[in-house]
N, C-alpha and C. Protein backbone atom coordinates (compact mmCIF):
# COMPACT_ATOMS: atom_id res chain seq x y z
N MET A 1 97.15 82.94 101.09
CA MET A 1 98.30 83.37 100.32
C MET A 1 98.73 82.23 99.42
N GLY A 2 99.14 82.57 98.21
CA GLY A 2 99.59 81.56 97.27
C GLY A 2 101.05 81.23 97.45
N ASP A 3 101.52 80.31 96.63
CA ASP A 3 102.94 79.95 96.64
C ASP A 3 103.77 81.10 96.09
N PRO A 4 104.98 81.28 96.61
CA PRO A 4 105.84 82.36 96.09
C PRO A 4 106.10 82.21 94.60
N LEU A 5 106.18 83.33 93.93
CA LEU A 5 106.51 83.35 92.51
C LEU A 5 108.01 83.45 92.27
N LEU A 6 108.70 84.13 93.18
CA LEU A 6 110.13 84.40 93.00
C LEU A 6 110.99 83.34 93.66
N ASP A 7 112.09 83.00 93.01
CA ASP A 7 113.10 82.10 93.56
C ASP A 7 114.31 82.95 93.94
N PRO A 8 114.55 83.18 95.24
CA PRO A 8 115.64 84.06 95.64
C PRO A 8 117.03 83.57 95.23
N ALA A 9 117.14 82.32 94.80
CA ALA A 9 118.43 81.80 94.33
C ALA A 9 118.73 82.22 92.89
N VAL A 10 117.74 82.78 92.20
CA VAL A 10 117.91 83.24 90.82
C VAL A 10 118.12 84.76 90.86
N GLY A 11 119.18 85.23 90.22
CA GLY A 11 119.56 86.63 90.30
C GLY A 11 118.46 87.61 89.97
N ALA A 12 117.77 87.41 88.84
CA ALA A 12 116.71 88.34 88.44
C ALA A 12 115.57 88.32 89.46
N ASP A 13 115.24 87.15 89.98
CA ASP A 13 114.18 87.04 90.98
C ASP A 13 114.57 87.75 92.27
N ALA A 14 115.80 87.53 92.71
CA ALA A 14 116.28 88.17 93.94
C ALA A 14 116.25 89.69 93.79
N HIS A 15 116.67 90.17 92.63
CA HIS A 15 116.65 91.61 92.37
C HIS A 15 115.21 92.14 92.39
N ALA A 16 114.29 91.44 91.73
CA ALA A 16 112.89 91.85 91.72
C ALA A 16 112.31 91.83 93.12
N GLY A 17 112.63 90.80 93.90
CA GLY A 17 112.15 90.73 95.28
C GLY A 17 112.64 91.88 96.12
N GLN A 18 113.90 92.25 95.93
CA GLN A 18 114.46 93.39 96.66
C GLN A 18 113.74 94.68 96.29
N ARG A 19 113.50 94.86 95.01
CA ARG A 19 112.77 96.07 94.58
C ARG A 19 111.35 96.08 95.12
N LEU A 20 110.67 94.93 95.08
CA LEU A 20 109.31 94.87 95.59
C LEU A 20 109.26 95.14 97.10
N ALA A 21 110.32 94.77 97.80
CA ALA A 21 110.37 95.01 99.24
C ALA A 21 110.69 96.46 99.58
N THR A 22 111.46 97.14 98.73
CA THR A 22 111.97 98.46 99.12
C THR A 22 111.44 99.63 98.29
N ASP A 23 111.05 99.43 97.04
CA ASP A 23 110.50 100.55 96.26
C ASP A 23 109.27 101.09 97.00
N THR A 24 109.07 102.38 96.94
CA THR A 24 107.96 102.98 97.68
C THR A 24 106.68 103.09 96.87
N ILE A 25 106.79 103.03 95.55
CA ILE A 25 105.61 103.19 94.69
C ILE A 25 105.47 101.97 93.77
N ILE A 26 104.23 101.48 93.68
CA ILE A 26 103.88 100.51 92.66
C ILE A 26 102.66 101.08 91.93
N TRP A 27 102.57 100.83 90.65
CA TRP A 27 101.42 101.27 89.88
C TRP A 27 100.40 100.14 89.88
N LEU A 28 99.17 100.46 90.29
CA LEU A 28 98.08 99.49 90.36
C LEU A 28 97.09 99.80 89.24
N GLY A 29 96.87 98.81 88.39
CA GLY A 29 95.94 98.97 87.28
C GLY A 29 94.66 98.20 87.55
N THR A 30 93.53 98.90 87.44
CA THR A 30 92.22 98.29 87.58
C THR A 30 91.46 98.48 86.27
N VAL A 31 90.27 97.91 86.20
CA VAL A 31 89.46 97.98 84.98
C VAL A 31 88.13 98.64 85.31
N ALA A 32 87.84 99.76 84.64
CA ALA A 32 86.57 100.45 84.82
C ALA A 32 85.44 99.62 84.21
N PRO A 33 84.20 99.87 84.63
CA PRO A 33 83.08 99.10 84.07
C PRO A 33 82.98 99.16 82.55
N ASP A 34 83.44 100.25 81.94
CA ASP A 34 83.38 100.34 80.48
C ASP A 34 84.59 99.70 79.81
N GLY A 35 85.45 99.03 80.61
CA GLY A 35 86.61 98.33 80.07
C GLY A 35 87.87 99.17 80.00
N ARG A 36 87.77 100.43 80.36
CA ARG A 36 88.92 101.32 80.28
C ARG A 36 89.90 101.01 81.41
N PRO A 37 91.19 100.92 81.11
CA PRO A 37 92.17 100.71 82.17
C PRO A 37 92.33 101.98 83.01
N HIS A 38 92.58 101.79 84.28
CA HIS A 38 92.78 102.90 85.23
C HIS A 38 93.99 102.54 86.07
N THR A 39 95.06 103.31 85.96
CA THR A 39 96.31 103.00 86.63
C THR A 39 96.71 104.15 87.53
N VAL A 40 97.04 103.83 88.80
CA VAL A 40 97.41 104.86 89.77
C VAL A 40 98.62 104.41 90.57
N PRO A 41 99.45 105.38 91.01
CA PRO A 41 100.57 105.04 91.88
C PRO A 41 100.07 104.88 93.32
N VAL A 42 100.55 103.84 94.00
CA VAL A 42 100.12 103.59 95.38
C VAL A 42 101.31 103.13 96.22
N TRP A 43 101.20 103.35 97.52
CA TRP A 43 102.14 102.77 98.48
C TRP A 43 101.71 101.33 98.72
N PHE A 44 102.67 100.44 99.05
CA PHE A 44 102.35 99.02 99.11
C PHE A 44 103.35 98.26 99.98
N THR A 45 102.95 97.06 100.34
CA THR A 45 103.88 96.10 100.94
C THR A 45 103.88 94.85 100.07
N TRP A 46 104.94 94.07 100.24
CA TRP A 46 105.14 92.86 99.44
C TRP A 46 105.45 91.69 100.36
N ALA A 47 104.71 90.60 100.21
CA ALA A 47 105.00 89.31 100.84
C ALA A 47 104.65 88.27 99.79
N ASP A 48 105.62 87.89 99.00
CA ASP A 48 105.46 87.04 97.82
C ASP A 48 104.43 85.95 98.04
N PRO A 49 103.37 85.93 97.22
CA PRO A 49 103.03 86.68 96.02
C PRO A 49 101.99 87.79 96.25
N VAL A 50 101.94 88.35 97.46
CA VAL A 50 100.87 89.28 97.81
C VAL A 50 101.38 90.72 97.91
N VAL A 51 100.66 91.61 97.23
CA VAL A 51 100.85 93.06 97.35
C VAL A 51 99.66 93.57 98.16
N THR A 52 99.95 94.34 99.22
CA THR A 52 98.88 94.94 100.02
C THR A 52 98.97 96.45 99.89
N VAL A 53 97.82 97.07 99.64
CA VAL A 53 97.70 98.51 99.43
C VAL A 53 96.63 99.02 100.40
N PHE A 54 96.78 100.26 100.84
CA PHE A 54 95.75 100.90 101.65
C PHE A 54 95.24 102.11 100.86
N SER A 55 93.93 102.19 100.67
CA SER A 55 93.33 103.20 99.81
C SER A 55 92.23 103.96 100.54
N ARG A 56 91.96 105.16 100.04
CA ARG A 56 90.73 105.82 100.46
C ARG A 56 89.58 104.97 99.92
N PRO A 57 88.52 104.82 100.69
CA PRO A 57 87.42 103.96 100.23
C PRO A 57 86.57 104.58 99.12
N ASP A 58 86.74 105.87 98.85
CA ASP A 58 85.89 106.56 97.88
C ASP A 58 86.55 106.75 96.52
N THR A 59 87.55 105.95 96.20
CA THR A 59 88.30 106.14 94.95
C THR A 59 87.73 105.31 93.80
N ALA A 60 88.12 105.70 92.60
CA ALA A 60 87.72 104.95 91.41
C ALA A 60 88.23 103.52 91.47
N LYS A 61 89.47 103.32 91.96
CA LYS A 61 90.02 101.96 91.98
C LYS A 61 89.18 101.04 92.85
N ILE A 62 88.67 101.56 93.97
CA ILE A 62 87.82 100.73 94.84
C ILE A 62 86.52 100.39 94.12
N ALA A 63 85.91 101.36 93.48
CA ALA A 63 84.69 101.09 92.71
C ALA A 63 84.95 100.05 91.63
N HIS A 64 86.08 100.18 90.95
CA HIS A 64 86.42 99.21 89.90
C HIS A 64 86.59 97.81 90.48
N LEU A 65 87.27 97.72 91.63
CA LEU A 65 87.52 96.40 92.23
C LEU A 65 86.24 95.74 92.71
N ARG A 66 85.26 96.53 93.09
CA ARG A 66 83.97 95.94 93.50
C ARG A 66 83.30 95.23 92.32
N ALA A 67 83.61 95.68 91.10
CA ALA A 67 83.00 95.10 89.90
C ALA A 67 83.89 94.09 89.20
N HIS A 68 85.21 94.23 89.36
CA HIS A 68 86.14 93.40 88.58
C HIS A 68 87.43 93.25 89.37
N ALA A 69 87.81 92.02 89.70
CA ALA A 69 88.96 91.78 90.58
C ALA A 69 90.30 91.74 89.86
N ALA A 70 90.31 91.67 88.53
CA ALA A 70 91.57 91.58 87.80
C ALA A 70 92.35 92.89 87.91
N VAL A 71 93.65 92.77 88.19
CA VAL A 71 94.51 93.95 88.31
C VAL A 71 95.86 93.68 87.67
N SER A 72 96.57 94.77 87.43
CA SER A 72 97.98 94.68 87.05
C SER A 72 98.77 95.54 88.01
N VAL A 73 100.06 95.23 88.12
CA VAL A 73 100.97 96.05 88.92
C VAL A 73 102.25 96.25 88.13
N ALA A 74 102.93 97.35 88.40
CA ALA A 74 104.22 97.61 87.77
C ALA A 74 105.02 98.56 88.64
N LEU A 75 106.30 98.24 88.79
CA LEU A 75 107.20 99.17 89.45
C LEU A 75 107.71 100.16 88.42
N ASP A 76 108.10 101.35 88.89
CA ASP A 76 108.77 102.29 88.00
C ASP A 76 110.01 101.60 87.46
N THR A 77 110.42 101.98 86.26
CA THR A 77 111.55 101.35 85.62
C THR A 77 112.72 102.32 85.53
N ALA A 78 113.87 101.80 85.21
CA ALA A 78 115.03 102.65 84.98
C ALA A 78 114.75 103.53 83.76
N GLU A 79 115.50 104.59 83.63
CA GLU A 79 115.26 105.58 82.58
C GLU A 79 115.17 104.94 81.20
N GLN A 80 115.98 103.97 80.92
CA GLN A 80 116.01 103.35 79.60
C GLN A 80 115.15 102.09 79.52
N GLY A 81 114.30 101.84 80.53
CA GLY A 81 113.46 100.65 80.51
C GLY A 81 114.22 99.37 80.72
N THR A 82 115.29 99.45 81.50
CA THR A 82 116.19 98.30 81.65
C THR A 82 116.07 97.60 83.00
N ASP A 83 115.03 97.91 83.77
CA ASP A 83 114.83 97.26 85.07
C ASP A 83 113.33 97.17 85.32
N VAL A 84 112.71 96.13 84.79
CA VAL A 84 111.25 96.03 84.72
C VAL A 84 110.74 94.94 85.66
N VAL A 85 109.70 95.29 86.43
CA VAL A 85 108.95 94.32 87.22
C VAL A 85 107.48 94.65 87.01
N THR A 86 106.75 93.72 86.43
CA THR A 86 105.32 93.92 86.18
C THR A 86 104.60 92.60 86.45
N GLY A 87 103.33 92.69 86.75
CA GLY A 87 102.60 91.46 87.05
C GLY A 87 101.11 91.65 87.00
N GLY A 88 100.41 90.57 87.28
CA GLY A 88 98.96 90.60 87.29
C GLY A 88 98.41 89.60 88.28
N GLY A 89 97.18 89.82 88.65
CA GLY A 89 96.53 88.92 89.59
C GLY A 89 95.12 89.38 89.89
N ARG A 90 94.67 89.00 91.08
CA ARG A 90 93.31 89.32 91.50
C ARG A 90 93.37 90.04 92.84
N ALA A 91 92.50 91.03 92.98
CA ALA A 91 92.45 91.84 94.20
C ALA A 91 91.19 91.54 94.99
N LYS A 92 91.32 91.64 96.31
CA LYS A 92 90.17 91.53 97.20
C LYS A 92 90.21 92.71 98.15
N LEU A 93 89.04 93.29 98.42
CA LEU A 93 88.94 94.29 99.46
C LEU A 93 88.95 93.55 100.79
N SER A 94 89.68 94.08 101.76
CA SER A 94 89.88 93.36 103.01
C SER A 94 89.58 94.27 104.20
N THR A 95 90.02 93.84 105.38
CA THR A 95 89.87 94.61 106.61
C THR A 95 91.22 94.67 107.31
N PHE A 96 91.37 95.64 108.21
CA PHE A 96 92.63 95.76 108.95
C PHE A 96 92.95 94.47 109.71
N ALA A 97 91.93 93.83 110.29
CA ALA A 97 92.15 92.61 111.07
C ALA A 97 92.76 91.49 110.23
N ARG A 98 92.48 91.48 108.94
CA ARG A 98 92.99 90.41 108.07
C ARG A 98 94.35 90.71 107.46
N VAL A 99 94.86 91.93 107.68
CA VAL A 99 96.14 92.30 107.07
C VAL A 99 97.13 92.82 108.12
N GLU A 100 97.08 92.26 109.32
CA GLU A 100 97.92 92.76 110.41
C GLU A 100 99.41 92.72 110.07
N ASP A 101 99.90 91.63 109.49
CA ASP A 101 101.32 91.55 109.14
C ASP A 101 101.69 92.62 108.12
N ALA A 102 100.84 92.79 107.11
CA ALA A 102 101.10 93.82 106.10
C ALA A 102 101.03 95.21 106.71
N LEU A 103 100.14 95.40 107.66
CA LEU A 103 100.01 96.70 108.32
C LEU A 103 101.28 97.03 109.10
N ASP A 104 101.84 96.05 109.79
CA ASP A 104 103.11 96.26 110.51
C ASP A 104 104.23 96.60 109.53
N ALA A 105 104.32 95.85 108.44
CA ALA A 105 105.35 96.10 107.43
C ALA A 105 105.16 97.48 106.79
N PHE A 106 103.92 97.84 106.56
CA PHE A 106 103.60 99.14 105.98
C PHE A 106 104.08 100.26 106.90
N GLY A 107 103.81 100.11 108.19
CA GLY A 107 104.26 101.11 109.16
C GLY A 107 105.77 101.28 109.16
N ARG A 108 106.49 100.17 109.13
CA ARG A 108 107.96 100.24 109.11
C ARG A 108 108.46 100.93 107.83
N LYS A 109 107.81 100.64 106.72
CA LYS A 109 108.26 101.16 105.43
C LYS A 109 107.94 102.64 105.24
N TYR A 110 106.74 103.06 105.66
CA TYR A 110 106.26 104.39 105.28
C TYR A 110 106.20 105.43 106.40
N THR A 111 106.26 105.03 107.66
CA THR A 111 106.22 106.02 108.74
C THR A 111 107.26 107.12 108.54
N PRO A 112 108.50 106.79 108.11
CA PRO A 112 109.47 107.87 107.90
C PRO A 112 109.05 108.88 106.82
N LEU A 113 108.15 108.50 105.92
CA LEU A 113 107.72 109.40 104.85
C LEU A 113 106.51 110.25 105.24
N LEU A 114 105.92 109.96 106.39
CA LEU A 114 104.70 110.66 106.80
C LEU A 114 104.97 111.98 107.51
N GLY A 115 106.22 112.27 107.81
CA GLY A 115 106.53 113.50 108.53
C GLY A 115 105.93 113.47 109.91
N ASP A 116 105.19 114.52 110.25
CA ASP A 116 104.59 114.63 111.59
C ASP A 116 103.26 113.89 111.71
N GLN A 117 102.75 113.36 110.62
CA GLN A 117 101.46 112.68 110.67
C GLN A 117 101.64 111.27 111.21
N PRO A 118 100.93 110.91 112.28
CA PRO A 118 101.01 109.54 112.78
C PRO A 118 100.37 108.56 111.79
N LEU A 119 100.91 107.35 111.75
CA LEU A 119 100.37 106.32 110.85
C LEU A 119 98.89 106.10 111.10
N ASP A 120 98.47 106.07 112.36
CA ASP A 120 97.05 105.85 112.67
C ASP A 120 96.16 106.91 112.02
N ALA A 121 96.63 108.16 112.01
CA ALA A 121 95.85 109.23 111.38
C ALA A 121 95.80 109.03 109.87
N TRP A 122 96.91 108.63 109.27
CA TRP A 122 96.95 108.37 107.83
C TRP A 122 95.98 107.26 107.48
N LEU A 123 95.94 106.22 108.31
CA LEU A 123 95.08 105.07 108.05
C LEU A 123 93.60 105.39 108.24
N MET A 124 93.30 106.47 108.92
CA MET A 124 91.89 106.88 109.02
C MET A 124 91.38 107.34 107.65
N THR A 125 92.26 107.91 106.85
CA THR A 125 91.90 108.34 105.50
C THR A 125 92.03 107.19 104.51
N PHE A 126 93.15 106.49 104.58
CA PHE A 126 93.42 105.37 103.66
C PHE A 126 93.02 104.07 104.37
N SER A 127 91.72 103.94 104.56
CA SER A 127 91.17 102.94 105.47
C SER A 127 90.70 101.65 104.81
N GLN A 128 90.88 101.54 103.50
CA GLN A 128 90.44 100.33 102.80
C GLN A 128 91.63 99.51 102.34
N PRO A 129 91.91 98.39 103.04
CA PRO A 129 92.98 97.51 102.56
C PRO A 129 92.57 96.78 101.28
N ILE A 130 93.53 96.68 100.37
CA ILE A 130 93.37 95.91 99.14
C ILE A 130 94.46 94.85 99.14
N VAL A 131 94.07 93.60 99.00
CA VAL A 131 95.03 92.50 98.96
C VAL A 131 95.04 91.94 97.54
N VAL A 132 96.20 92.06 96.90
CA VAL A 132 96.37 91.58 95.53
C VAL A 132 97.22 90.32 95.58
N THR A 133 96.69 89.22 95.12
CA THR A 133 97.47 87.99 95.00
C THR A 133 97.88 87.86 93.54
N LEU A 134 99.19 87.99 93.33
CA LEU A 134 99.71 87.92 91.96
C LEU A 134 99.78 86.47 91.50
N ASP A 135 99.40 86.24 90.26
CA ASP A 135 99.54 84.90 89.68
C ASP A 135 100.57 84.90 88.56
N ARG A 136 101.14 86.08 88.28
CA ARG A 136 102.23 86.14 87.31
C ARG A 136 103.08 87.37 87.57
N LEU A 137 104.34 87.23 87.25
CA LEU A 137 105.30 88.34 87.28
C LEU A 137 106.18 88.23 86.05
N VAL A 138 106.52 89.36 85.48
CA VAL A 138 107.50 89.41 84.41
C VAL A 138 108.61 90.34 84.89
N VAL A 139 109.83 89.84 84.80
CA VAL A 139 110.99 90.56 85.31
C VAL A 139 112.04 90.58 84.22
N TRP A 140 112.57 91.75 83.91
CA TRP A 140 113.75 91.78 83.07
C TRP A 140 114.61 92.97 83.45
N ARG A 141 115.90 92.75 83.27
CA ARG A 141 116.85 93.83 83.54
C ARG A 141 118.10 93.60 82.70
N SER A 142 118.75 94.70 82.43
CA SER A 142 119.99 94.68 81.69
C SER A 142 121.14 94.59 82.69
N THR A 143 122.04 93.64 82.46
CA THR A 143 123.22 93.49 83.31
C THR A 143 124.46 93.51 82.42
N ALA A 144 125.61 93.53 83.04
CA ALA A 144 126.86 93.50 82.27
C ALA A 144 126.96 92.23 81.43
N ALA A 145 126.31 91.15 81.90
CA ALA A 145 126.34 89.88 81.18
C ALA A 145 125.26 89.80 80.10
N GLY A 146 124.39 90.80 80.04
CA GLY A 146 123.31 90.78 79.06
C GLY A 146 121.95 90.86 79.72
N LEU A 147 120.92 90.58 78.95
CA LEU A 147 119.55 90.68 79.43
C LEU A 147 119.19 89.47 80.29
N GLU A 148 118.63 89.74 81.47
CA GLU A 148 118.02 88.69 82.30
C GLU A 148 116.51 88.85 82.15
N TYR A 149 115.82 87.77 81.82
CA TYR A 149 114.38 87.81 81.61
C TYR A 149 113.75 86.62 82.30
N ARG A 150 112.67 86.88 83.03
CA ARG A 150 111.92 85.80 83.67
C ARG A 150 110.44 86.10 83.53
N SER A 151 109.68 85.10 83.12
CA SER A 151 108.23 85.17 83.10
C SER A 151 107.75 84.09 84.05
N LEU A 152 107.16 84.51 85.16
CA LEU A 152 106.82 83.59 86.24
C LEU A 152 105.32 83.53 86.41
N ALA A 153 104.78 82.33 86.56
CA ALA A 153 103.35 82.17 86.76
C ALA A 153 103.10 81.13 87.83
N SER A 154 102.05 81.37 88.61
CA SER A 154 101.64 80.37 89.58
C SER A 154 101.00 79.21 88.83
N ASP A 155 100.80 78.11 89.51
CA ASP A 155 100.18 76.94 88.87
C ASP A 155 98.79 77.28 88.33
N GLY A 156 98.10 78.19 89.01
CA GLY A 156 96.76 78.57 88.57
C GLY A 156 96.75 79.75 87.62
N GLY A 157 97.94 80.35 87.32
CA GLY A 157 97.97 81.59 86.54
C GLY A 157 98.33 81.44 85.13
């Protein structure tokens, strides 16, 4: 895991961190072999600077990641585009054994949304963990005091 990108003492960062911890959908962008972007909504967990996703292994995004690790992420924004969190980094296909903490967090976050389906059954279908290490985040939001904007990058990003 890399160094955290967000500084919780900074208002915009704290707000972005809260959204990354609690929003249920993040958009994951991958790159097809022909260079075409492919963006899909996914469930995720956040442990700065890592986003963990669980996917069906037979999806286009998995095929894309096998060929190209670069990804983008974005949270849904407010209606007027006034609450933005977007970023980029590199993804790795992983195993359940390597993402135990994220798996626990995922269970706490999403079990209430699964209805009668047990998490273990859901994970039989969405059995491919994807670990995205972000090397940059861009955060902006409109506040009563005006626009807050942050462009954050890791030392390597």
